[in-house]
């Protein structure tokens, strides 16, 4: 005979607790989450954490190596660049700029992608075919080349670079949303809501869309890393953030001519991009494993 204690022991687990159990079982995802939180804290408190202003120059410390290397200065832990700016301070302030680029690109692409994918999957027909063929054309073009063409048309600058990257990553959100909507439209709860008199807007935004958020969250977390990488590439080519902005790609572009005699001016911005992008990818993999029931062990 089942007792009350037994029933309590077999009570269903809270969804958030279950999600965290699956997510935390992926050690790489937890490491990615820790690094992302650390970068977010650095970006949020950059003016108080950075030892110097990002554009402060000092003519007496041109290309000073890191503190642990011969000739280094304890006042500049990661060394200085060609005009005496502290690299650590520029990296910390650059975290704020690079994360802002990634978040803004994802917000723009998610909003537009959800609207296009939701309407295409719901109404189908000619509108769906038109939207998906446009997305297919965008996907056939090399992403960085397409971003360069868009920035070349709009003009170099941070805002135009973000718009270009948002257009490049847009098809992924449209395709994911459309596929999820088509799958959800055949569910019983949608049929019941329609029979109860629900209109198109209620069916799309109150019934269908909330059940399509899991794959979008995963793609958004991966999309931030792609946006940071593409924005850094545009900055490196001189088409993104412009000097003296401490954006990581721009820092790499400024340091190209010193790569052989001042390794630190190239290495540390490159490592910042590498670690941040890797952290978001690990976080996205963990979210995918936690949200996808087929991947749960």
C-alpha atoms as a PDB file:
ATOM      1  CA  UNK A   1       0.000   0.000   0.000  1.00  0.00           C
ATOM      2  CA  UNK A   2       1.429   3.415  -1.018  1.00  0.00           C
ATOM      3  CA  UNK A   3       1.897   5.735   1.942  1.00  0.00           C
ATOM      4  CA  UNK A   4       1.918   9.527   1.983  1.00  0.00           C
ATOM      5  CA  UNK A   5       5.695   9.470   2.366  1.00  0.00           C
ATOM      6  CA  UNK A   6       6.062   7.348  -0.759  1.00  0.00           C
ATOM      7  CA  UNK A   7       3.809   9.696  -2.690  1.00  0.00           C
ATOM      8  CA  UNK A   8       5.919  12.629  -1.541  1.00  0.00           C
ATOM      9  CA  UNK A   9       9.111  10.887  -2.641  1.00  0.00           C
ATOM     10  CA  UNK A  10       7.692  10.355  -6.128  1.00  0.00           C
ATOM     11  CA  UNK A  11       6.384  13.926  -6.474  1.00  0.00           C
ATOM     12  CA  UNK A  12       7.322  15.458  -9.844  1.00  0.00           C
ATOM     13  CA  UNK A  13      10.402  17.639  -9.812  1.00  0.00           C
ATOM     14  CA  UNK A  14      10.048  21.396 -10.306  1.00  0.00           C
ATOM     15  CA  UNK A  15      10.782  22.316 -13.955  1.00  0.00           C
ATOM     16  CA  UNK A  16      13.514  24.794 -13.024  1.00  0.00           C
ATOM     17  CA  UNK A  17      15.153  22.248 -10.739  1.00  0.00           C
ATOM     18  CA  UNK A  18      14.981  19.621 -13.476  1.00  0.00           C
ATOM     19  CA  UNK A  19      16.428  22.073 -15.995  1.00  0.00           C
ATOM     20  CA  UNK A  20      19.339  22.917 -13.697  1.00  0.00           C
ATOM     21  CA  UNK A  21      20.052  19.232 -13.014  1.00  0.00           C
ATOM     22  CA  UNK A  22      20.393  18.510 -16.725  1.00  0.00           C
ATOM     23  CA  UNK A  23      22.298  21.726 -17.409  1.00  0.00           C
ATOM     24  CA  UNK A  24      24.743  21.304 -14.514  1.00  0.00           C
ATOM     25  CA  UNK A  25      25.540  17.736 -15.593  1.00  0.00           C
ATOM     26  CA  UNK A  26      27.373  19.317 -18.560  1.00  0.00           C
ATOM     27  CA  UNK A  27      30.586  20.602 -16.981  1.00  0.00           C
ATOM     28  CA  UNK A  28      31.538  22.516 -20.102  1.00  0.00           C
ATOM     29  CA  UNK A  29      28.235  24.379 -20.038  1.00  0.00           C
ATOM     30  CA  UNK A  30      28.736  25.323 -16.382  1.00  0.00           C
ATOM     31  CA  UNK A  31      32.239  26.588 -17.182  1.00  0.00           C
ATOM     32  CA  UNK A  32      30.800  28.599 -20.070  1.00  0.00           C
ATOM     33  CA  UNK A  33      28.129  30.070 -17.785  1.00  0.00           C
ATOM     34  CA  UNK A  34      30.756  31.104 -15.219  1.00  0.00           C
ATOM     35  CA  UNK A  35      32.892  32.803 -17.878  1.00  0.00           C
ATOM     36  CA  UNK A  36      29.876  34.573 -19.393  1.00  0.00           C
ATOM     37  CA  UNK A  37      28.829  35.866 -15.961  1.00  0.00           C
ATOM     38  CA  UNK A  38      32.391  37.022 -15.316  1.00  0.00           C
ATOM     39  CA  UNK A  39      32.525  38.896 -18.629  1.00  0.00           C
ATOM     40  CA  UNK A  40      29.113  40.442 -17.892  1.00  0.00           C
ATOM     41  CA  UNK A  41      30.371  41.645 -14.504  1.00  0.00           C
ATOM     42  CA  UNK A  42      33.490  43.106 -16.100  1.00  0.00           C
ATOM     43  CA  UNK A  43      31.360  44.901 -18.671  1.00  0.00           C
ATOM     44  CA  UNK A  44      28.880  46.195 -16.096  1.00  0.00           C
ATOM     45  CA  UNK A  45      31.533  47.559 -13.722  1.00  0.00           C
ATOM     46  CA  UNK A  46      34.198  48.473 -16.282  1.00  0.00           C
ATOM     47  CA  UNK A  47      34.613  52.118 -15.155  1.00  0.00           C
ATOM     48  CA  UNK A  48      35.354  50.952 -11.601  1.00  0.00           C
ATOM     49  CA  UNK A  49      37.396  47.818 -12.389  1.00  0.00           C
ATOM     50  CA  UNK A  50      39.638  49.135 -15.177  1.00  0.00           C
ATOM     51  CA  UNK A  51      42.781  50.815 -13.759  1.00  0.00           C
ATOM     52  CA  UNK A  52      42.810  53.478 -16.500  1.00  0.00           C
ATOM     53  CA  UNK A  53      40.458  55.124 -18.950  1.00  0.00           C
ATOM     54  CA  UNK A  54      40.354  53.178 -22.237  1.00  0.00           C
ATOM     55  CA  UNK A  55      41.610  56.123 -24.321  1.00  0.00           C
ATOM     56  CA  UNK A  56      44.142  57.508 -21.825  1.00  0.00           C
ATOM     57  CA  UNK A  57      47.599  57.730 -23.428  1.00  0.00           C
ATOM     58  CA  UNK A  58      51.032  58.021 -21.827  1.00  0.00           C
ATOM     59  CA  UNK A  59      53.989  58.927 -24.101  1.00  0.00           C
ATOM     60  CA  UNK A  60      56.481  57.441 -21.631  1.00  0.00           C
ATOM     61  CA  UNK A  61      55.123  53.867 -21.839  1.00  0.00           C
ATOM     62  CA  UNK A  62      54.883  53.037 -25.545  1.00  0.00           C
ATOM     63  CA  UNK A  63      54.718  49.258 -26.147  1.00  0.00           C
ATOM     64  CA  UNK A  64      55.620  48.300 -22.580  1.00  0.00           C
ATOM     65  CA  UNK A  65      55.461  44.473 -22.211  1.00  0.00           C
ATOM     66  CA  UNK A  66      53.312  42.681 -19.600  1.00  0.00           C
ATOM     67  CA  UNK A  67      54.320  43.010 -15.946  1.00  0.00           C
ATOM     68  CA  UNK A  68      55.842  39.501 -15.718  1.00  0.00           C
ATOM     69  CA  UNK A  69      58.112  39.984 -18.734  1.00  0.00           C
ATOM     70  CA  UNK A  70      61.525  41.637 -18.667  1.00  0.00           C
ATOM     71  CA  UNK A  71      61.055  45.370 -19.087  1.00  0.00           C
ATOM     72  CA  UNK A  72      57.436  45.238 -17.971  1.00  0.00           C
ATOM     73  CA  UNK A  73      55.765  47.575 -15.521  1.00  0.00           C
ATOM     74  CA  UNK A  74      53.634  46.620 -12.538  1.00  0.00           C
ATOM     75  CA  UNK A  75      51.410  49.586 -13.378  1.00  0.00           C
ATOM     76  CA  UNK A  76      50.345  47.897 -16.617  1.00  0.00           C
ATOM     77  CA  UNK A  77      49.587  44.234 -15.967  1.00  0.00           C
ATOM     78  CA  UNK A  78      49.061  43.276 -19.634  1.00  0.00           C
ATOM     79  CA  UNK A  79      51.319  45.946 -21.108  1.00  0.00           C
ATOM     80  CA  UNK A  80      50.519  48.943 -23.301  1.00  0.00           C
ATOM     81  CA  UNK A  81      49.925  49.559 -26.993  1.00  0.00           C
ATOM     82  CA  UNK A  82      51.752  51.736 -29.508  1.00  0.00           C
ATOM     83  CA  UNK A  83      50.460  55.031 -28.093  1.00  0.00           C
ATOM     84  CA  UNK A  84      50.728  54.152 -24.411  1.00  0.00           C
ATOM     85  CA  UNK A  85      47.185  52.963 -23.670  1.00  0.00           C
ATOM     86  CA  UNK A  86      46.735  50.273 -21.023  1.00  0.00           C
ATOM     87  CA  UNK A  87      45.678  47.034 -22.713  1.00  0.00           C
ATOM     88  CA  UNK A  88      43.909  45.586 -19.664  1.00  0.00           C
ATOM     89  CA  UNK A  89      41.734  48.686 -19.345  1.00  0.00           C
ATOM     90  CA  UNK A  90      40.869  48.589 -23.038  1.00  0.00           C
ATOM     91  CA  UNK A  91      39.996  44.886 -22.839  1.00  0.00           C
ATOM     92  CA  UNK A  92      37.670  45.458 -19.886  1.00  0.00           C
ATOM     93  CA  UNK A  93      35.913  48.372 -21.589  1.00  0.00           C
ATOM     94  CA  UNK A  94      35.918  46.389 -24.831  1.00  0.00           C
ATOM     95  CA  UNK A  95      33.942  43.646 -23.084  1.00  0.00           C
ATOM     96  CA  UNK A  96      31.129  46.152 -22.581  1.00  0.00           C
ATOM     97  CA  UNK A  97      31.183  47.129 -26.240  1.00  0.00           C
ATOM     98  CA  UNK A  98      31.486  43.599 -27.638  1.00  0.00           C
ATOM     99  CA  UNK A  99      28.688  42.239 -25.435  1.00  0.00           C
ATOM    100  CA  UNK A 100      26.468  45.186 -26.359  1.00  0.00           C
ATOM    101  CA  UNK A 101      27.074  44.399 -30.033  1.00  0.00           C
ATOM    102  CA  UNK A 102      26.222  40.724 -29.528  1.00  0.00           C
ATOM    103  CA  UNK A 103      23.074  41.431 -27.521  1.00  0.00           C
ATOM    104  CA  UNK A 104      21.787  44.126 -29.877  1.00  0.00           C
ATOM    105  CA  UNK A 105      22.369  41.959 -32.937  1.00  0.00           C
ATOM    106  CA  UNK A 106      20.541  39.034 -31.327  1.00  0.00           C
ATOM    107  CA  UNK A 107      17.628  41.227 -30.202  1.00  0.00           C
ATOM    108  CA  UNK A 108      17.205  42.686 -33.694  1.00  0.00           C
ATOM    109  CA  UNK A 109      17.470  39.348 -35.474  1.00  0.00           C
ATOM    110  CA  UNK A 110      15.262  37.489 -32.968  1.00  0.00           C
ATOM    111  CA  UNK A 111      12.453  40.062 -33.108  1.00  0.00           C
ATOM    112  CA  UNK A 112      12.399  40.229 -36.899  1.00  0.00           C
ATOM    113  CA  UNK A 113      13.035  36.499 -37.283  1.00  0.00           C
ATOM    114  CA  UNK A 114      10.201  35.564 -34.917  1.00  0.00           C
ATOM    115  CA  UNK A 115       7.750  37.861 -36.704  1.00  0.00           C
ATOM    116  CA  UNK A 116       8.661  36.533 -40.153  1.00  0.00           C
ATOM    117  CA  UNK A 117       8.901  32.883 -39.082  1.00  0.00           C
ATOM    118  CA  UNK A 118       5.694  33.020 -37.054  1.00  0.00           C
ATOM    119  CA  UNK A 119       3.631  34.572 -39.837  1.00  0.00           C
ATOM    120  CA  UNK A 120       5.195  32.315 -42.481  1.00  0.00           C
ATOM    121  CA  UNK A 121       4.508  29.158 -40.474  1.00  0.00           C
ATOM    122  CA  UNK A 122       1.012  30.225 -39.492  1.00  0.00           C
ATOM    123  CA  UNK A 123      -0.401  31.541 -42.781  1.00  0.00           C
ATOM    124  CA  UNK A 124       1.715  29.410 -45.158  1.00  0.00           C
ATOM    125  CA  UNK A 125       1.038  29.823 -48.885  1.00  0.00           C
ATOM    126  CA  UNK A 126       2.693  32.429 -51.091  1.00  0.00           C
ATOM    127  CA  UNK A 127       3.942  34.521 -48.168  1.00  0.00           C
ATOM    128  CA  UNK A 128       5.758  31.543 -46.669  1.00  0.00           C
ATOM    129  CA  UNK A 129       7.375  30.619 -49.986  1.00  0.00           C
ATOM    130  CA  UNK A 130       8.520  34.221 -50.568  1.00  0.00           C
ATOM    131  CA  UNK A 131      10.003  34.638 -47.106  1.00  0.00           C
ATOM    132  CA  UNK A 132      11.791  31.290 -47.097  1.00  0.00           C
ATOM    133  CA  UNK A 133      13.261  31.781 -50.562  1.00  0.00           C
ATOM    134  CA  UNK A 134      14.692  35.141 -49.489  1.00  0.00           C
ATOM    135  CA  UNK A 135      16.184  33.469 -46.413  1.00  0.00           C
ATOM    136  CA  UNK A 136      17.632  30.712 -48.604  1.00  0.00           C
ATOM    137  CA  UNK A 137      19.304  33.313 -50.825  1.00  0.00           C
ATOM    138  CA  UNK A 138      20.877  34.979 -47.769  1.00  0.00           C
ATOM    139  CA  UNK A 139      22.116  31.599 -46.521  1.00  0.00           C
ATOM    140  CA  UNK A 140      23.765  30.787 -49.849  1.00  0.00           C
ATOM    141  CA  UNK A 141      26.046  33.833 -49.547  1.00  0.00           C
ATOM    142  CA  UNK A 142      29.174  33.735 -47.345  1.00  0.00           C
ATOM    143  CA  UNK A 143      28.145  35.450 -44.122  1.00  0.00           C
ATOM    144  CA  UNK A 144      31.194  37.666 -43.682  1.00  0.00           C
ATOM    145  CA  UNK A 145      31.219  38.659 -47.352  1.00  0.00           C
ATOM    146  CA  UNK A 146      27.540  39.608 -47.167  1.00  0.00           C
ATOM    147  CA  UNK A 147      28.171  41.656 -44.018  1.00  0.00           C
ATOM    148  CA  UNK A 148      31.047  43.450 -45.751  1.00  0.00           C
ATOM    149  CA  UNK A 149      28.837  44.274 -48.736  1.00  0.00           C
ATOM    150  CA  UNK A 150      26.074  45.644 -46.480  1.00  0.00           C
ATOM    151  CA  UNK A 151      28.514  47.792 -44.491  1.00  0.00           C
ATOM    152  CA  UNK A 152      30.106  49.002 -47.718  1.00  0.00           C
ATOM    153  CA  UNK A 153      26.662  50.163 -48.879  1.00  0.00           C
ATOM    154  CA  UNK A 154      25.621  51.723 -45.557  1.00  0.00           C
ATOM    155  CA  UNK A 155      29.051  53.058 -44.622  1.00  0.00           C
ATOM    156  CA  UNK A 156      31.532  51.940 -41.943  1.00  0.00           C
ATOM    157  CA  UNK A 157      30.482  52.325 -38.328  1.00  0.00           C
ATOM    158  CA  UNK A 158      29.344  50.418 -35.279  1.00  0.00           C
ATOM    159  CA  UNK A 159      25.592  50.763 -35.879  1.00  0.00           C
ATOM    160  CA  UNK A 160      25.850  49.748 -39.528  1.00  0.00           C
ATOM    161  CA  UNK A 161      28.035  46.789 -38.564  1.00  0.00           C
ATOM    162  CA  UNK A 162      25.379  45.612 -36.099  1.00  0.00           C
ATOM    163  CA  UNK A 163      22.667  45.931 -38.766  1.00  0.00           C
ATOM    164  CA  UNK A 164      24.804  43.979 -41.235  1.00  0.00           C
ATOM    165  CA  UNK A 165      25.462  41.135 -38.791  1.00  0.00           C
ATOM    166  CA  UNK A 166      21.766  41.060 -37.811  1.00  0.00           C
ATOM    167  CA  UNK A 167      20.802  40.550 -41.465  1.00  0.00           C
ATOM    168  CA  UNK A 168      23.398  37.786 -41.824  1.00  0.00           C
ATOM    169  CA  UNK A 169      22.104  35.749 -38.847  1.00  0.00           C
ATOM    170  CA  UNK A 170      18.404  36.487 -39.479  1.00  0.00           C
ATOM    171  CA  UNK A 171      17.650  33.345 -41.581  1.00  0.00           C
ATOM    172  CA  UNK A 172      18.499  31.016 -38.686  1.00  0.00           C
ATOM    173  CA  UNK A 173      15.793  32.498 -36.469  1.00  0.00           C
ATOM    174  CA  UNK A 174      13.236  32.589 -39.282  1.00  0.00           C
ATOM    175  CA  UNK A 175      13.793  28.926 -40.125  1.00  0.00           C
ATOM    176  CA  UNK A 176      13.742  27.775 -36.488  1.00  0.00           C
ATOM    177  CA  UNK A 177      10.569  29.720 -35.701  1.00  0.00           C
ATOM    178  CA  UNK A 178       8.766  28.555 -38.838  1.00  0.00           C
ATOM    179  CA  UNK A 179       9.615  24.896 -38.203  1.00  0.00           C
ATOM    180  CA  UNK A 180       8.474  25.135 -34.574  1.00  0.00           C
ATOM    181  CA  UNK A 181       5.233  26.893 -35.536  1.00  0.00           C
ATOM    182  CA  UNK A 182       4.353  24.292 -38.173  1.00  0.00           C
ATOM    183  CA  UNK A 183       4.942  21.550 -35.592  1.00  0.00           C
ATOM    184  CA  UNK A 184       2.832  23.280 -32.925  1.00  0.00           C
ATOM    185  CA  UNK A 185      -0.059  24.106 -35.268  1.00  0.00           C
ATOM    186  CA  UNK A 186      -1.053  20.432 -35.411  1.00  0.00           C
ATOM    187  CA  UNK A 187      -1.311  20.111 -31.604  1.00  0.00           C
ATOM    188  CA  UNK A 188      -4.630  19.608 -29.852  1.00  0.00           C
ATOM    189  CA  UNK A 189      -4.364  22.741 -27.724  1.00  0.00           C
ATOM    190  CA  UNK A 190      -4.228  24.913 -30.863  1.00  0.00           C
ATOM    191  CA  UNK A 191      -7.291  23.192 -32.290  1.00  0.00           C
ATOM    192  CA  UNK A 192      -9.127  23.644 -28.984  1.00  0.00           C
ATOM    193  CA  UNK A 193      -8.231  27.339 -28.822  1.00  0.00           C
ATOM    194  CA  UNK A 194      -9.416  27.846 -32.397  1.00  0.00           C
ATOM    195  CA  UNK A 195     -12.722  26.102 -31.654  1.00  0.00           C
ATOM    196  CA  UNK A 196     -13.171  28.368 -28.636  1.00  0.00           C
ATOM    197  CA  UNK A 197     -13.076  31.385 -30.922  1.00  0.00           C
ATOM    198  CA  UNK A 198      -9.450  32.492 -30.587  1.00  0.00           C
ATOM    199  CA  UNK A 199      -8.385  34.930 -33.282  1.00  0.00           C
ATOM    200  CA  UNK A 200      -5.204  34.866 -35.327  1.00  0.00           C
ATOM    201  CA  UNK A 201      -3.235  37.148 -33.016  1.00  0.00           C
ATOM    202  CA  UNK A 202      -4.182  35.169 -29.912  1.00  0.00           C
ATOM    203  CA  UNK A 203      -3.340  31.862 -31.578  1.00  0.00           C
ATOM    204  CA  UNK A 204       0.029  33.117 -32.784  1.00  0.00           C
ATOM    205  CA  UNK A 205       1.274  35.055 -29.772  1.00  0.00           C
ATOM    206  CA  UNK A 206      -0.566  33.500 -26.819  1.00  0.00           C
ATOM    207  CA  UNK A 207      -0.834  29.845 -27.831  1.00  0.00           C
ATOM    208  CA  UNK A 208       1.849  28.956 -30.388  1.00  0.00           C
ATOM    209  CA  UNK A 209       4.772  31.320 -29.754  1.00  0.00           C
ATOM    210  CA  UNK A 210       5.320  30.501 -26.016  1.00  0.00           C
ATOM    211  CA  UNK A 211       5.822  26.851 -26.980  1.00  0.00           C
ATOM    212  CA  UNK A 212       8.481  27.748 -29.565  1.00  0.00           C
ATOM    213  CA  UNK A 213      10.822  29.607 -27.215  1.00  0.00           C
ATOM    214  CA  UNK A 214      13.173  26.747 -26.233  1.00  0.00           C
ATOM    215  CA  UNK A 215      14.986  26.412 -29.612  1.00  0.00           C
ATOM    216  CA  UNK A 216      15.054  30.208 -29.936  1.00  0.00           C
ATOM    217  CA  UNK A 217      16.793  30.576 -26.564  1.00  0.00           C
ATOM    218  CA  UNK A 218      19.430  28.048 -27.597  1.00  0.00           C
ATOM    219  CA  UNK A 219      19.988  29.720 -30.962  1.00  0.00           C
ATOM    220  CA  UNK A 220      20.143  33.161 -29.335  1.00  0.00           C
ATOM    221  CA  UNK A 221      22.886  32.060 -26.942  1.00  0.00           C
ATOM    222  CA  UNK A 222      24.878  30.677 -29.876  1.00  0.00           C
ATOM    223  CA  UNK A 223      24.019  33.739 -31.945  1.00  0.00           C
ATOM    224  CA  UNK A 224      25.677  36.096 -29.458  1.00  0.00           C
ATOM    225  CA  UNK A 225      29.007  34.375 -30.012  1.00  0.00           C
ATOM    226  CA  UNK A 226      28.583  34.522 -33.794  1.00  0.00           C
ATOM    227  CA  UNK A 227      27.662  38.210 -33.593  1.00  0.00           C
ATOM    228  CA  UNK A 228      30.718  39.030 -31.465  1.00  0.00           C
ATOM    229  CA  UNK A 229      32.955  37.151 -33.898  1.00  0.00           C
ATOM    230  CA  UNK A 230      31.488  38.783 -37.023  1.00  0.00           C
ATOM    231  CA  UNK A 231      31.570  42.255 -35.445  1.00  0.00           C
ATOM    232  CA  UNK A 232      35.212  41.701 -34.475  1.00  0.00           C
ATOM    233  CA  UNK A 233      35.981  40.644 -38.056  1.00  0.00           C
ATOM    234  CA  UNK A 234      34.351  43.810 -39.404  1.00  0.00           C
ATOM    235  CA  UNK A 235      36.240  45.883 -36.860  1.00  0.00           C
ATOM    236  CA  UNK A 236      39.492  44.218 -37.888  1.00  0.00           C
ATOM    237  CA  UNK A 237      38.773  45.155 -41.512  1.00  0.00           C
ATOM    238  CA  UNK A 238      38.047  48.754 -40.520  1.00  0.00           C
ATOM    239  CA  UNK A 239      34.320  48.495 -41.278  1.00  0.00           C
ATOM    240  CA  UNK A 240      32.967  48.140 -37.738  1.00  0.00           C
ATOM    241  CA  UNK A 241      33.737  50.163 -34.624  1.00  0.00           C
ATOM    242  CA  UNK A 242      36.192  52.934 -35.425  1.00  0.00           C
ATOM    243  CA  UNK A 243      39.319  53.976 -33.449  1.00  0.00           C
ATOM    244  CA  UNK A 244      39.821  54.928 -30.651  1.00  0.00           C
ATOM    245  CA  UNK A 245      36.939  52.631 -29.661  1.00  0.00           C
ATOM    246  CA  UNK A 246      38.222  49.718 -27.498  1.00  0.00           C
ATOM    247  CA  UNK A 247      36.314  47.089 -29.463  1.00  0.00           C
ATOM    248  CA  UNK A 248      38.362  43.881 -29.578  1.00  0.00           C
ATOM    249  CA  UNK A 249      38.434  43.568 -33.384  1.00  0.00           C
ATOM    250  CA  UNK A 250      39.519  47.190 -33.714  1.00  0.00           C
ATOM    251  CA  UNK A 251      42.275  46.580 -31.167  1.00  0.00           C
ATOM    252  CA  UNK A 252      43.549  43.729 -33.337  1.00  0.00           C
ATOM    253  CA  UNK A 253      43.490  45.957 -36.414  1.00  0.00           C
ATOM    254  CA  UNK A 254      45.483  48.672 -34.629  1.00  0.00           C
ATOM    255  CA  UNK A 255      48.094  46.130 -33.520  1.00  0.00           C
ATOM    256  CA  UNK A 256      48.768  44.397 -36.844  1.00  0.00           C
ATOM    257  CA  UNK A 257      52.038  46.175 -37.591  1.00  0.00           C
ATOM    258  CA  UNK A 258      53.468  45.353 -34.154  1.00  0.00           C
ATOM    259  CA  UNK A 259      52.739  41.625 -34.149  1.00  0.00           C
ATOM    260  CA  UNK A 260      56.406  40.609 -34.524  1.00  0.00           C
ATOM    261  CA  UNK A 261      57.933  42.904 -31.889  1.00  0.00           C
ATOM    262  CA  UNK A 262      55.072  43.318 -29.398  1.00  0.00           C
ATOM    263  CA  UNK A 263      53.196  40.031 -29.172  1.00  0.00           C
ATOM    264  CA  UNK A 264      50.950  41.176 -26.305  1.00  0.00           C
ATOM    265  CA  UNK A 265      49.085  43.848 -28.304  1.00  0.00           C
ATOM    266  CA  UNK A 266      47.667  41.107 -30.565  1.00  0.00           C
ATOM    267  CA  UNK A 267      47.529  38.114 -28.247  1.00  0.00           C
ATOM    268  CA  UNK A 268      45.332  39.487 -25.465  1.00  0.00           C
ATOM    269  CA  UNK A 269      42.517  40.912 -27.653  1.00  0.00           C
ATOM    270  CA  UNK A 270      42.549  37.657 -29.618  1.00  0.00           C
ATOM    271  CA  UNK A 271      42.310  35.621 -26.418  1.00  0.00           C
ATOM    272  CA  UNK A 272      39.431  37.801 -25.211  1.00  0.00           C
ATOM    273  CA  UNK A 273      37.493  37.050 -28.400  1.00  0.00           C
ATOM    274  CA  UNK A 274      38.381  33.352 -28.273  1.00  0.00           C
ATOM    275  CA  UNK A 275      37.414  32.830 -24.619  1.00  0.00           C
ATOM    276  CA  UNK A 276      34.156  34.804 -24.861  1.00  0.00           C
ATOM    277  CA  UNK A 277      32.995  33.112 -28.058  1.00  0.00           C
ATOM    278  CA  UNK A 278      33.912  29.688 -26.673  1.00  0.00           C
ATOM    279  CA  UNK A 279      32.029  30.419 -23.432  1.00  0.00           C
ATOM    280  CA  UNK A 280      28.833  31.333 -25.283  1.00  0.00           C
ATOM    281  CA  UNK A 281      29.132  28.230 -27.467  1.00  0.00           C
ATOM    282  CA  UNK A 282      29.531  26.005 -24.402  1.00  0.00           C
ATOM    283  CA  UNK A 283      26.560  27.736 -22.779  1.00  0.00           C
ATOM    284  CA  UNK A 284      24.474  27.187 -25.897  1.00  0.00           C
ATOM    285  CA  UNK A 285      25.377  23.489 -25.992  1.00  0.00           C
ATOM    286  CA  UNK A 286      24.304  23.128 -22.363  1.00  0.00           C
ATOM    287  CA  UNK A 287      21.001  24.895 -23.000  1.00  0.00           C
ATOM    288  CA  UNK A 288      20.357  22.655 -25.994  1.00  0.00           C
ATOM    289  CA  UNK A 289      20.997  19.528 -23.927  1.00  0.00           C
ATOM    290  CA  UNK A 290      18.732  20.770 -21.122  1.00  0.00           C
ATOM    291  CA  UNK A 291      15.857  21.859 -23.373  1.00  0.00           C
ATOM    292  CA  UNK A 292      15.849  18.940 -25.822  1.00  0.00           C
ATOM    293  CA  UNK A 293      14.182  15.890 -24.223  1.00  0.00           C
ATOM    294  CA  UNK A 294      15.831  13.562 -26.757  1.00  0.00           C
ATOM    295  CA  UNK A 295      19.248  14.543 -25.414  1.00  0.00           C
ATOM    296  CA  UNK A 296      18.399  14.119 -21.734  1.00  0.00           C
ATOM    297  CA  UNK A 297      20.027  11.175 -20.060  1.00  0.00           C
END
